[in-house]
Amino acid sequence: MPHVVTENCQDCRFTDCVTACPVACFHGDGERLYIDAKACIDCGACIPRCPVRAIKEDFDLSADEEEWAQINALRAPGLPVVRAKEAPLPGAEGRRAALGLN
Protein backbone atom coordinates (compact mmCIF):
# COMPACT_ATOMS: atom_id res chain seq x y z
CA MET A 1 0.00 0.00 0.00
CA PRO A 2 1.39 3.43 -0.89
CA HIS A 3 1.84 6.24 1.54
CA VAL A 4 -0.12 9.48 1.47
CA VAL A 5 0.73 13.04 2.48
CA THR A 6 -2.24 14.39 4.44
CA GLU A 7 -3.53 17.82 5.40
CA ASN A 8 -0.88 18.39 8.09
CA CYS A 9 1.67 19.19 5.37
CA GLN A 10 -0.36 22.16 4.13
CA ASP A 11 1.50 25.45 4.58
CA CYS A 12 4.50 23.72 6.17
CA ARG A 13 6.36 21.89 3.43
CA PHE A 14 8.96 20.39 5.72
CA THR A 15 11.10 18.23 3.44
CA ASP A 16 12.88 16.03 5.97
CA CYS A 17 10.91 13.08 4.58
CA VAL A 18 12.29 13.31 1.05
CA THR A 19 15.84 12.56 2.18
CA ALA A 20 14.69 9.19 3.55
CA CYS A 21 12.91 8.15 0.35
CA PRO A 22 14.92 5.64 -1.72
CA VAL A 23 12.83 6.10 -4.87
CA ALA A 24 12.17 9.87 -5.03
CA CYS A 25 8.38 9.57 -4.99
CA PHE A 26 7.79 13.00 -3.41
CA HIS A 27 6.53 15.85 -5.57
CA GLY A 28 5.79 19.38 -4.42
CA ASP A 29 4.18 22.69 -5.14
CA GLY A 30 4.52 25.97 -3.27
CA GLU A 31 2.35 24.85 -0.36
CA ARG A 32 2.96 21.16 0.31
CA LEU A 33 4.30 17.77 -0.77
CA TYR A 34 2.53 14.83 -2.39
CA ILE A 35 3.50 11.17 -2.87
CA ASP A 36 3.28 9.49 -6.25
CA ALA A 37 1.55 6.20 -5.37
CA LYS A 38 2.94 4.54 -8.52
CA ALA A 39 6.52 5.28 -7.47
CA CYS A 40 6.16 4.65 -3.72
CA ILE A 41 7.59 1.27 -2.69
CA ASP A 42 5.87 1.36 0.70
CA CYS A 43 9.08 1.25 2.71
CA GLY A 44 7.80 3.64 5.40
CA ALA A 45 11.15 5.38 5.82
CA CYS A 46 9.50 8.79 5.41
CA ILE A 47 6.92 8.44 8.18
CA PRO A 48 9.16 9.07 11.21
CA ARG A 49 10.99 11.89 9.41
CA CYS A 50 7.90 14.09 9.04
CA PRO A 51 7.85 16.68 11.85
CA VAL A 52 4.10 17.28 11.42
CA ARG A 53 3.01 13.63 11.13
CA ALA A 54 1.54 14.27 7.70
CA ILE A 55 2.46 10.92 6.12
CA LYS A 56 0.34 7.82 6.58
CA GLU A 57 -0.12 4.47 4.92
CA ASP A 58 -3.27 4.58 2.85
CA PHE A 59 -4.97 1.90 4.93
CA ASP A 60 -4.38 3.98 8.08
CA LEU A 61 -6.28 7.01 6.79
CA SER A 62 -9.31 8.05 8.78
CA ALA A 63 -12.58 8.63 6.93
CA ASP A 64 -11.83 12.37 6.99
CA GLU A 65 -8.38 11.79 5.44
CA GLU A 66 -9.30 9.36 2.65
CA GLU A 67 -9.64 12.19 0.13
CA TRP A 68 -5.89 12.79 0.44
CA ALA A 69 -5.08 9.51 -1.32
CA GLN A 70 -6.90 10.78 -4.40
CA ILE A 71 -5.45 14.29 -4.09
CA ASN A 72 -1.92 12.86 -3.96
CA ALA A 73 -2.63 10.60 -6.95
CA LEU A 74 -3.95 13.51 -9.01
CA ARG A 75 -1.40 16.16 -8.06
CA ALA A 76 1.92 14.31 -7.72
CA PRO A 77 2.44 13.29 -11.37
CA GLY A 78 2.15 16.87 -12.64
CA LEU A 79 4.58 18.41 -10.17
CA PRO A 80 8.38 18.38 -9.92
CA VAL A 81 10.10 15.69 -7.89
CA VAL A 82 11.54 16.94 -4.60
CA ARG A 83 14.69 14.96 -3.76
CA ALA A 84 16.64 17.21 -1.39
CA LYS A 85 15.87 18.91 1.89
CA GLU A 86 14.69 22.48 1.42
CA ALA A 87 13.79 25.23 3.82
CA PRO A 88 10.23 24.90 5.14
CA LEU A 89 7.69 27.58 4.35
CA PRO A 90 7.61 30.73 6.48
CA GLY A 91 5.26 30.02 9.35
CA ALA A 92 5.87 26.26 9.24
CA GLU A 93 7.04 26.16 12.86
CA GLY A 94 3.89 28.04 13.89
CA ARG A 95 1.76 25.53 12.00
CA ARG A 96 3.60 22.69 13.72
CA ALA A 97 2.93 24.31 17.09
CA ALA A 98 -0.76 24.78 16.19
CA LEU A 99 -0.92 21.05 15.46
CA GLY A 100 0.47 20.43 18.96
CA LEU A 101 3.66 18.85 17.63
CA ASN A 102 6.46 20.98 19.05
PDB file of N, CA and C in Angstrom:
ATOM      1  N   MET A   1       0.827  -1.186   0.000  1.00  0.00           N
ATOM      2  CA  MET A   1       0.000   0.000   0.000  1.00  0.00           C
ATOM      3  C   MET A   1       0.872   1.251   0.000  1.00  0.00           C
ATOM      4  N   PRO A   2       0.581   2.208  -0.857  1.00  0.00           N
ATOM      5  CA  PRO A   2       1.387   3.433  -0.888  1.00  0.00           C
ATOM      6  C   PRO A   2       1.099   4.337   0.299  1.00  0.00           C
ATOM      7  N   HIS A   3       1.986   5.247   0.488  1.00  0.00           N
ATOM      8  CA  HIS A   3       1.842   6.238   1.538  1.00  0.00           C
ATOM      9  C   HIS A   3       1.196   7.494   0.973  1.00  0.00           C
ATOM     10  N   VAL A   4       0.641   8.303   1.863  1.00  0.00           N
ATOM     11  CA  VAL A   4      -0.121   9.481   1.473  1.00  0.00           C
ATOM     12  C   VAL A   4       0.296  10.657   2.350  1.00  0.00           C
ATOM     13  N   VAL A   5       0.485  11.813   1.731  1.00  0.00           N
ATOM     14  CA  VAL A   5       0.729  13.043   2.485  1.00  0.00           C
ATOM     15  C   VAL A   5      -0.640  13.665   2.759  1.00  0.00           C
ATOM     16  N   THR A   6      -0.931  13.890   4.022  1.00  0.00           N
ATOM     17  CA  THR A   6      -2.244  14.390   4.436  1.00  0.00           C
ATOM     18  C   THR A   6      -2.226  15.904   4.673  1.00  0.00           C
ATOM     19  N   GLU A   7      -3.316  16.396   5.188  1.00  0.00           N
ATOM     20  CA  GLU A   7      -3.530  17.822   5.401  1.00  0.00           C
ATOM     21  C   GLU A   7      -2.458  18.493   6.269  1.00  0.00           C
ATOM     22  N   ASN A   8      -1.861  17.771   7.186  1.00  0.00           N
ATOM     23  CA  ASN A   8      -0.880  18.386   8.091  1.00  0.00           C
ATOM     24  C   ASN A   8       0.289  19.035   7.354  1.00  0.00           C
ATOM     25  N   CYS A   9       0.560  18.613   6.137  1.00  0.00           N
ATOM     26  CA  CYS A   9       1.666  19.190   5.368  1.00  0.00           C
ATOM     27  C   CYS A   9       1.338  20.578   4.832  1.00  0.00           C
ATOM     28  N   GLN A  10       0.071  20.889   4.721  1.00  0.00           N
ATOM     29  CA  GLN A  10      -0.355  22.162   4.134  1.00  0.00           C
ATOM     30  C   GLN A  10       0.274  23.342   4.853  1.00  0.00           C
ATOM     31  N   ASP A  11       0.870  24.217   4.087  1.00  0.00           N
ATOM     32  CA  ASP A  11       1.501  25.445   4.578  1.00  0.00           C
ATOM     33  C   ASP A  11       2.720  25.212   5.459  1.00  0.00           C
ATOM     34  N   CYS A  12       3.265  24.009   5.443  1.00  0.00           N
ATOM     35  CA  CYS A  12       4.505  23.719   6.172  1.00  0.00           C
ATOM     36  C   CYS A  12       5.628  23.441   5.185  1.00  0.00           C
ATOM     37  N   ARG A  13       5.411  22.369   4.422  1.00  0.00           N
ATOM     38  CA  ARG A  13       6.362  21.885   3.434  1.00  0.00           C
ATOM     39  C   ARG A  13       7.732  21.603   4.045  1.00  0.00           C
ATOM     40  N   PHE A  14       7.712  20.936   5.188  1.00  0.00           N
ATOM     41  CA  PHE A  14       8.962  20.394   5.717  1.00  0.00           C
ATOM     42  C   PHE A  14       9.390  19.301   4.732  1.00  0.00           C
ATOM     43  N   THR A  15      10.647  19.213   4.416  1.00  0.00           N
ATOM     44  CA  THR A  15      11.095  18.227   3.437  1.00  0.00           C
ATOM     45  C   THR A  15      12.060  17.198   4.025  1.00  0.00           C
ATOM     46  N   ASP A  16      12.030  17.030   5.327  1.00  0.00           N
ATOM     47  CA  ASP A  16      12.882  16.034   5.974  1.00  0.00           C
ATOM     48  C   ASP A  16      12.601  14.641   5.405  1.00  0.00           C
ATOM     49  N   CYS A  17      11.359  14.380   5.068  1.00  0.00           N
ATOM     50  CA  CYS A  17      10.911  13.082   4.584  1.00  0.00           C
ATOM     51  C   CYS A  17      11.555  12.690   3.261  1.00  0.00           C
ATOM     52  N   VAL A  18      11.791  13.646   2.380  1.00  0.00           N
ATOM     53  CA  VAL A  18      12.286  13.309   1.052  1.00  0.00           C
ATOM     54  C   VAL A  18      13.690  12.718   1.091  1.00  0.00           C
ATOM     55  N   THR A  19      14.467  13.079   2.091  1.00  0.00           N
ATOM     56  CA  THR A  19      15.836  12.559   2.179  1.00  0.00           C
ATOM     57  C   THR A  19      15.857  11.091   2.593  1.00  0.00           C
ATOM     58  N   ALA A  20      14.769  10.605   3.147  1.00  0.00           N
ATOM     59  CA  ALA A  20      14.695   9.189   3.546  1.00  0.00           C
ATOM     60  C   ALA A  20      14.133   8.307   2.441  1.00  0.00           C
ATOM     61  N   CYS A  21      13.580   8.896   1.409  1.00  0.00           N
ATOM     62  CA  CYS A  21      12.905   8.146   0.347  1.00  0.00           C
ATOM     63  C   CYS A  21      13.927   7.569  -0.639  1.00  0.00           C
ATOM     64  N   PRO A  22      13.955   6.241  -0.791  1.00  0.00           N
ATOM     65  CA  PRO A  22      14.921   5.636  -1.716  1.00  0.00           C
ATOM     66  C   PRO A  22      14.520   5.710  -3.183  1.00  0.00           C
ATOM     67  N   VAL A  23      13.285   6.111  -3.480  1.00  0.00           N
ATOM     68  CA  VAL A  23      12.833   6.101  -4.870  1.00  0.00           C
ATOM     69  C   VAL A  23      12.367   7.463  -5.376  1.00  0.00           C
ATOM     70  N   ALA A  24      12.543   8.510  -4.624  1.00  0.00           N
ATOM     71  CA  ALA A  24      12.173   9.868  -5.033  1.00  0.00           C
ATOM     72  C   ALA A  24      10.721   9.948  -5.496  1.00  0.00           C
ATOM     73  N   CYS A  25       9.800   9.543  -4.624  1.00  0.00           N
ATOM     74  CA  CYS A  25       8.379   9.573  -4.989  1.00  0.00           C
ATOM     75  C   CYS A  25       7.672  10.835  -4.513  1.00  0.00           C
ATOM     76  N   PHE A  26       8.394  11.754  -3.879  1.00  0.00           N
ATOM     77  CA  PHE A  26       7.789  13.002  -3.412  1.00  0.00           C
ATOM     78  C   PHE A  26       7.805  14.058  -4.509  1.00  0.00           C
ATOM     79  N   HIS A  27       6.681  14.742  -4.637  1.00  0.00           N
ATOM     80  CA  HIS A  27       6.535  15.854  -5.573  1.00  0.00           C
ATOM     81  C   HIS A  27       5.998  17.029  -4.759  1.00  0.00           C
ATOM     82  N   GLY A  28       6.242  18.241  -5.207  1.00  0.00           N
ATOM     83  CA  GLY A  28       5.785  19.376  -4.422  1.00  0.00           C
ATOM     84  C   GLY A  28       5.379  20.580  -5.234  1.00  0.00           C
ATOM     85  N   ASP A  29       4.537  21.387  -4.599  1.00  0.00           N
ATOM     86  CA  ASP A  29       4.182  22.690  -5.141  1.00  0.00           C
ATOM     87  C   ASP A  29       4.598  23.724  -4.098  1.00  0.00           C
ATOM     88  N   GLY A  30       4.114  24.912  -4.186  1.00  0.00           N
ATOM     89  CA  GLY A  30       4.524  25.972  -3.274  1.00  0.00           C
ATOM     90  C   GLY A  30       3.935  25.886  -1.884  1.00  0.00           C
ATOM     91  N   GLU A  31       3.018  24.938  -1.656  1.00  0.00           N
ATOM     92  CA  GLU A  31       2.350  24.852  -0.363  1.00  0.00           C
ATOM     93  C   GLU A  31       2.552  23.543   0.387  1.00  0.00           C
ATOM     94  N   ARG A  32       2.921  22.474  -0.342  1.00  0.00           N
ATOM     95  CA  ARG A  32       2.964  21.163   0.309  1.00  0.00           C
ATOM     96  C   ARG A  32       3.644  20.126  -0.572  1.00  0.00           C
ATOM     97  N   LEU A  33       3.767  18.916  -0.026  1.00  0.00           N
ATOM     98  CA  LEU A  33       4.298  17.771  -0.766  1.00  0.00           C
ATOM     99  C   LEU A  33       3.192  16.769  -1.042  1.00  0.00           C
ATOM    100  N   TYR A  34       3.439  15.914  -2.018  1.00  0.00           N
ATOM    101  CA  TYR A  34       2.531  14.832  -2.394  1.00  0.00           C
ATOM    102  C   TYR A  34       3.381  13.601  -2.677  1.00  0.00           C
ATOM    103  N   ILE A  35       2.805  12.416  -2.545  1.00  0.00           N
ATOM    104  CA  ILE A  35       3.503  11.172  -2.868  1.00  0.00           C
ATOM    105  C   ILE A  35       2.875  10.568  -4.108  1.00  0.00           C
ATOM    106  N   ASP A  36       3.725  10.190  -5.053  1.00  0.00           N
ATOM    107  CA  ASP A  36       3.280   9.487  -6.249  1.00  0.00           C
ATOM    108  C   ASP A  36       3.099   8.015  -5.875  1.00  0.00           C
ATOM    109  N   ALA A  37       1.861   7.572  -5.806  1.00  0.00           N
ATOM    110  CA  ALA A  37       1.550   6.202  -5.374  1.00  0.00           C
ATOM    111  C   ALA A  37       2.158   5.158  -6.300  1.00  0.00           C
ATOM    112  N   LYS A  38       2.352   5.491  -7.570  1.00  0.00           N
ATOM    113  CA  LYS A  38       2.938   4.537  -8.520  1.00  0.00           C
ATOM    114  C   LYS A  38       4.427   4.340  -8.279  1.00  0.00           C
ATOM    115  N   ALA A  39       5.091   5.359  -7.735  1.00  0.00           N
ATOM    116  CA  ALA A  39       6.523   5.280  -7.472  1.00  0.00           C
ATOM    117  C   ALA A  39       6.842   4.799  -6.057  1.00  0.00           C
ATOM    118  N   CYS A  40       5.931   5.016  -5.123  1.00  0.00           N
ATOM    119  CA  CYS A  40       6.155   4.649  -3.718  1.00  0.00           C
ATOM    120  C   CYS A  40       6.310   3.131  -3.588  1.00  0.00           C
ATOM    121  N   ILE A  41       7.360   2.707  -2.897  1.00  0.00           N
ATOM    122  CA  ILE A  41       7.587   1.266  -2.687  1.00  0.00           C
ATOM    123  C   ILE A  41       7.136   0.822  -1.299  1.00  0.00           C
ATOM    124  N   ASP A  42       6.461   1.704  -0.592  1.00  0.00           N
ATOM    125  CA  ASP A  42       5.872   1.362   0.695  1.00  0.00           C
ATOM    126  C   ASP A  42       6.897   0.936   1.746  1.00  0.00           C
ATOM    127  N   CYS A  43       8.037   1.610   1.742  1.00  0.00           N
ATOM    128  CA  CYS A  43       9.078   1.246   2.707  1.00  0.00           C
ATOM    129  C   CYS A  43       8.821   1.859   4.086  1.00  0.00           C
ATOM    130  N   GLY A  44       8.119   2.992   4.135  1.00  0.00           N
ATOM    131  CA  GLY A  44       7.805   3.637   5.400  1.00  0.00           C
ATOM    132  C   GLY A  44       8.915   4.480   5.989  1.00  0.00           C
ATOM    133  N   ALA A  45      10.024   4.616   5.295  1.00  0.00           N
ATOM    134  CA  ALA A  45      11.154   5.382   5.825  1.00  0.00           C
ATOM    135  C   ALA A  45      10.806   6.854   6.054  1.00  0.00           C
ATOM    136  N   CYS A  46       9.863   7.369   5.316  1.00  0.00           N
ATOM    137  CA  CYS A  46       9.502   8.785   5.408  1.00  0.00           C
ATOM    138  C   CYS A  46       8.650   9.115   6.636  1.00  0.00           C
ATOM    139  N   ILE A  47       7.886   8.164   7.109  1.00  0.00           N
ATOM    140  CA  ILE A  47       6.918   8.443   8.181  1.00  0.00           C
ATOM    141  C   ILE A  47       7.563   9.063   9.422  1.00  0.00           C
ATOM    142  N   PRO A  48       8.597   8.464   9.988  1.00  0.00           N
ATOM    143  CA  PRO A  48       9.158   9.069  11.211  1.00  0.00           C
ATOM    144  C   PRO A  48       9.929  10.363  10.969  1.00  0.00           C
ATOM    145  N   ARG A  49      10.231  10.677   9.720  1.00  0.00           N
ATOM    146  CA  ARG A  49      10.988  11.886   9.405  1.00  0.00           C
ATOM    147  C   ARG A  49      10.112  13.129   9.294  1.00  0.00           C
ATOM    148  N   CYS A  50       8.800  12.956   9.210  1.00  0.00           N
ATOM    149  CA  CYS A  50       7.904  14.095   9.041  1.00  0.00           C
ATOM    150  C   CYS A  50       7.617  14.760  10.387  1.00  0.00           C
ATOM    151  N   PRO A  51       8.037  16.012  10.566  1.00  0.00           N
ATOM    152  CA  PRO A  51       7.850  16.684  11.850  1.00  0.00           C
ATOM    153  C   PRO A  51       6.408  17.079  12.164  1.00  0.00           C
ATOM    154  N   VAL A  52       5.495  16.943  11.171  1.00  0.00           N
ATOM    155  CA  VAL A  52       4.096  17.282  11.420  1.00  0.00           C
ATOM    156  C   VAL A  52       3.173  16.063  11.254  1.00  0.00           C
ATOM    157  N   ARG A  53       3.765  14.893  11.224  1.00  0.00           N
ATOM    158  CA  ARG A  53       3.008  13.631  11.125  1.00  0.00           C
ATOM    159  C   ARG A  53       1.987  13.652   9.993  1.00  0.00           C
ATOM    160  N   ALA A  54       2.431  14.127   8.850  1.00  0.00           N
ATOM    161  CA  ALA A  54       1.537  14.267   7.702  1.00  0.00           C
ATOM    162  C   ALA A  54       1.478  13.020   6.826  1.00  0.00           C
ATOM    163  N   ILE A  55       2.390  12.072   7.015  1.00  0.00           N
ATOM    164  CA  ILE A  55       2.462  10.915   6.120  1.00  0.00           C
ATOM    165  C   ILE A  55       1.865   9.687   6.802  1.00  0.00           C
ATOM    166  N   LYS A  56       0.974   9.036   6.070  1.00  0.00           N
ATOM    167  CA  LYS A  56       0.335   7.816   6.582  1.00  0.00           C
ATOM    168  C   LYS A  56       0.252   6.775   5.480  1.00  0.00           C
ATOM    169  N   GLU A  57       0.171   5.520   5.890  1.00  0.00           N
ATOM    170  CA  GLU A  57      -0.117   4.473   4.919  1.00  0.00           C
ATOM    171  C   GLU A  57      -1.576   4.613   4.526  1.00  0.00           C
ATOM    172  N   ASP A  58      -1.902   4.308   3.294  1.00  0.00           N
ATOM    173  CA  ASP A  58      -3.266   4.583   2.846  1.00  0.00           C
ATOM    174  C   ASP A  58      -4.323   3.802   3.625  1.00  0.00           C
ATOM    175  N   PHE A  59      -3.978   2.643   4.153  1.00  0.00           N
ATOM    176  CA  PHE A  59      -4.974   1.895   4.930  1.00  0.00           C
ATOM    177  C   PHE A  59      -5.136   2.429   6.350  1.00  0.00           C
ATOM    178  N   ASP A  60      -4.281   3.349   6.763  1.00  0.00           N
ATOM    179  CA  ASP A  60      -4.382   3.976   8.084  1.00  0.00           C
ATOM    180  C   ASP A  60      -5.097   5.325   8.049  1.00  0.00           C
ATOM    181  N   LEU A  61      -5.591   5.726   6.893  1.00  0.00           N
ATOM    182  CA  LEU A  61      -6.280   7.005   6.789  1.00  0.00           C
ATOM    183  C   LEU A  61      -7.640   6.925   7.462  1.00  0.00           C
ATOM    184  N   SER A  62      -7.965   7.975   8.201  1.00  0.00           N
ATOM    185  CA  SER A  62      -9.309   8.054   8.780  1.00  0.00           C
ATOM    186  C   SER A  62     -10.285   8.398   7.655  1.00  0.00           C
ATOM    187  N   ALA A  63     -11.562   8.295   7.938  1.00  0.00           N
ATOM    188  CA  ALA A  63     -12.575   8.630   6.929  1.00  0.00           C
ATOM    189  C   ALA A  63     -12.407  10.070   6.445  1.00  0.00           C
ATOM    190  N   ASP A  64     -12.026  10.970   7.352  1.00  0.00           N
ATOM    191  CA  ASP A  64     -11.825  12.373   6.987  1.00  0.00           C
ATOM    192  C   ASP A  64     -10.572  12.587   6.131  1.00  0.00           C
ATOM    193  N   GLU A  65      -9.644  11.642   6.171  1.00  0.00           N
ATOM    194  CA  GLU A  65      -8.382  11.790   5.442  1.00  0.00           C
ATOM    195  C   GLU A  65      -8.353  11.038   4.117  1.00  0.00           C
ATOM    196  N   GLU A  66      -9.330  10.202   3.853  1.00  0.00           N
ATOM    197  CA  GLU A  66      -9.302   9.362   2.652  1.00  0.00           C
ATOM    198  C   GLU A  66      -9.200  10.159   1.362  1.00  0.00           C
ATOM    199  N   GLU A  67      -9.734  11.360   1.340  1.00  0.00           N
ATOM    200  CA  GLU A  67      -9.645  12.188   0.135  1.00  0.00           C
ATOM    201  C   GLU A  67      -8.197  12.487  -0.254  1.00  0.00           C
ATOM    202  N   TRP A  68      -7.283  12.453   0.724  1.00  0.00           N
ATOM    203  CA  TRP A  68      -5.889  12.786   0.443  1.00  0.00           C
ATOM    204  C   TRP A  68      -5.205  11.759  -0.445  1.00  0.00           C
ATOM    205  N   ALA A  69      -5.654  10.518  -0.420  1.00  0.00           N
ATOM    206  CA  ALA A  69      -5.085   9.514  -1.322  1.00  0.00           C
ATOM    207  C   ALA A  69      -5.349   9.923  -2.768  1.00  0.00           C
ATOM    208  N   GLN A  70      -6.552  10.358  -3.055  1.00  0.00           N
ATOM    209  CA  GLN A  70      -6.900  10.779  -4.402  1.00  0.00           C
ATOM    210  C   GLN A  70      -6.201  12.093  -4.766  1.00  0.00           C
ATOM    211  N   ILE A  71      -6.126  13.009  -3.820  1.00  0.00           N
ATOM    212  CA  ILE A  71      -5.453  14.287  -4.086  1.00  0.00           C
ATOM    213  C   ILE A  71      -3.986  14.049  -4.437  1.00  0.00           C
ATOM    214  N   ASN A  72      -3.315  13.184  -3.670  1.00  0.00           N
ATOM    215  CA  ASN A  72      -1.916  12.857  -3.957  1.00  0.00           C
ATOM    216  C   ASN A  72      -1.792  12.230  -5.339  1.00  0.00           C
ATOM    217  N   ALA A  73      -2.678  11.284  -5.660  1.00  0.00           N
ATOM    218  CA  ALA A  73      -2.630  10.596  -6.951  1.00  0.00           C
ATOM    219  C   ALA A  73      -2.837  11.556  -8.123  1.00  0.00           C
ATOM    220  N   LEU A  74      -3.680  12.547  -7.943  1.00  0.00           N
ATOM    221  CA  LEU A  74      -3.948  13.507  -9.011  1.00  0.00           C
ATOM    222  C   LEU A  74      -2.850  14.552  -9.154  1.00  0.00           C
ATOM    223  N   ARG A  75      -2.347  15.034  -8.038  1.00  0.00           N
ATOM    224  CA  ARG A  75      -1.399  16.155  -8.063  1.00  0.00           C
ATOM    225  C   ARG A  75       0.056  15.750  -8.298  1.00  0.00           C
ATOM    226  N   ALA A  76       0.502  14.673  -7.674  1.00  0.00           N
ATOM    227  CA  ALA A  76       1.921  14.314  -7.725  1.00  0.00           C
ATOM    228  C   ALA A  76       2.485  14.194  -9.141  1.00  0.00           C
ATOM    229  N   PRO A  77       1.835  13.482 -10.043  1.00  0.00           N
ATOM    230  CA  PRO A  77       2.443  13.293 -11.372  1.00  0.00           C
ATOM    231  C   PRO A  77       2.705  14.580 -12.155  1.00  0.00           C
ATOM    232  N   GLY A  78       1.982  15.620 -11.898  1.00  0.00           N
ATOM    233  CA  GLY A  78       2.152  16.869 -12.637  1.00  0.00           C
ATOM    234  C   GLY A  78       3.092  17.868 -11.997  1.00  0.00           C
ATOM    235  N   LEU A  79       3.708  17.487 -10.895  1.00  0.00           N
ATOM    236  CA  LEU A  79       4.580  18.412 -10.166  1.00  0.00           C
ATOM    237  C   LEU A  79       6.020  17.914 -10.171  1.00  0.00           C
ATOM    238  N   PRO A  80       6.975  18.811  -9.940  1.00  0.00           N
ATOM    239  CA  PRO A  80       8.375  18.383  -9.921  1.00  0.00           C
ATOM    240  C   PRO A  80       8.686  17.476  -8.736  1.00  0.00           C
ATOM    241  N   VAL A  81       9.610  16.568  -8.959  1.00  0.00           N
ATOM    242  CA  VAL A  81      10.098  15.693  -7.894  1.00  0.00           C
ATOM    243  C   VAL A  81      10.918  16.538  -6.919  1.00  0.00           C
ATOM    244  N   VAL A  82      10.757  16.270  -5.634  1.00  0.00           N
ATOM    245  CA  VAL A  82      11.545  16.936  -4.601  1.00  0.00           C
ATOM    246  C   VAL A  82      12.439  15.856  -3.997  1.00  0.00           C
ATOM    247  N   ARG A  83      13.743  15.984  -4.193  1.00  0.00           N
ATOM    248  CA  ARG A  83      14.694  14.961  -3.765  1.00  0.00           C
ATOM    249  C   ARG A  83      15.595  15.388  -2.613  1.00  0.00           C
ATOM    250  N   ALA A  84      15.707  16.691  -2.401  1.00  0.00           N
ATOM    251  CA  ALA A  84      16.638  17.209  -1.390  1.00  0.00           C
ATOM    252  C   ALA A  84      15.886  18.053  -0.369  1.00  0.00           C
ATOM    253  N   LYS A  85      16.456  18.097   0.817  1.00  0.00           N
ATOM    254  CA  LYS A  85      15.869  18.909   1.886  1.00  0.00           C
ATOM    255  C   LYS A  85      15.924  20.379   1.487  1.00  0.00           C
ATOM    256  N   GLU A  86      14.807  21.057   1.695  1.00  0.00           N
ATOM    257  CA  GLU A  86      14.695  22.484   1.416  1.00  0.00           C
ATOM    258  C   GLU A  86      14.207  23.178   2.680  1.00  0.00           C
ATOM    259  N   ALA A  87      14.295  24.470   2.682  1.00  0.00           N
ATOM    260  CA  ALA A  87      13.787  25.234   3.821  1.00  0.00           C
ATOM    261  C   ALA A  87      12.264  25.104   3.862  1.00  0.00           C
ATOM    262  N   PRO A  88      11.685  24.937   5.054  1.00  0.00           N
ATOM    263  CA  PRO A  88      10.227  24.899   5.141  1.00  0.00           C
ATOM    264  C   PRO A  88       9.648  26.275   4.834  1.00  0.00           C
ATOM    265  N   LEU A  89       8.362  26.313   4.630  1.00  0.00           N
ATOM    266  CA  LEU A  89       7.693  27.581   4.352  1.00  0.00           C
ATOM    267  C   LEU A  89       7.738  28.500   5.576  1.00  0.00           C
ATOM    268  N   PRO A  90       7.721  29.817   5.345  1.00  0.00           N
ATOM    269  CA  PRO A  90       7.615  30.731   6.480  1.00  0.00           C
ATOM    270  C   PRO A  90       6.333  30.401   7.247  1.00  0.00           C
ATOM    271  N   GLY A  91       6.427  30.352   8.534  1.00  0.00           N
ATOM    272  CA  GLY A  91       5.258  30.021   9.350  1.00  0.00           C
ATOM    273  C   GLY A  91       5.094  28.534   9.614  1.00  0.00           C
ATOM    274  N   ALA A  92       5.991  27.701   9.067  1.00  0.00           N
ATOM    275  CA  ALA A  92       5.873  26.255   9.243  1.00  0.00           C
ATOM    276  C   ALA A  92       5.992  25.858  10.716  1.00  0.00           C
ATOM    277  N   GLU A  93       6.884  26.494  11.433  1.00  0.00           N
ATOM    278  CA  GLU A  93       7.040  26.159  12.857  1.00  0.00           C
ATOM    279  C   GLU A  93       5.777  26.541  13.629  1.00  0.00           C
ATOM    280  N   GLY A  94       5.150  27.639  13.260  1.00  0.00           N
ATOM    281  CA  GLY A  94       3.895  28.040  13.887  1.00  0.00           C
ATOM    282  C   GLY A  94       2.786  27.045  13.597  1.00  0.00           C
ATOM    283  N   ARG A  95       2.748  26.551  12.372  1.00  0.00           N
ATOM    284  CA  ARG A  95       1.756  25.528  11.995  1.00  0.00           C
ATOM    285  C   ARG A  95       1.993  24.263  12.808  1.00  0.00           C
ATOM    286  N   ARG A  96       3.252  23.887  12.937  1.00  0.00           N
ATOM    287  CA  ARG A  96       3.601  22.691  13.718  1.00  0.00           C
ATOM    288  C   ARG A  96       3.140  22.863  15.162  1.00  0.00           C
ATOM    289  N   ALA A  97       3.359  24.036  15.718  1.00  0.00           N
ATOM    290  CA  ALA A  97       2.927  24.315  17.089  1.00  0.00           C
ATOM    291  C   ALA A  97       1.394  24.257  17.187  1.00  0.00           C
ATOM    292  N   ALA A  98       0.707  24.792  16.188  1.00  0.00           N
ATOM    293  CA  ALA A  98      -0.760  24.779  16.186  1.00  0.00           C
ATOM    294  C   ALA A  98      -1.304  23.349  16.140  1.00  0.00           C
ATOM    295  N   LEU A  99      -0.540  22.457  15.522  1.00  0.00           N
ATOM    296  CA  LEU A  99      -0.921  21.048  15.460  1.00  0.00           C
ATOM    297  C   LEU A  99      -0.568  20.308  16.759  1.00  0.00           C
ATOM    298  N   GLY A 100       0.091  21.025  17.683  1.00  0.00           N
ATOM    299  CA  GLY A 100       0.474  20.430  18.961  1.00  0.00           C
ATOM    300  C   GLY A 100       1.658  19.496  18.848  1.00  0.00           C
ATOM    301  N   LEU A 101       2.553  19.776  17.903  1.00  0.00           N
ATOM    302  CA  LEU A 101       3.657  18.850  17.632  1.00  0.00           C
ATOM    303  C   LEU A 101       5.037  19.423  17.916  1.00  0.00           C
ATOM    304  N   ASN A 102       5.146  20.448  18.700  1.00  0.00           N
ATOM    305  CA  ASN A 102       6.464  20.980  19.054  1.00  0.00           C
ATOM    306  C   ASN A 102       7.104  20.202  20.168  1.00  0.00           C
TER     307      ASN A 102
END
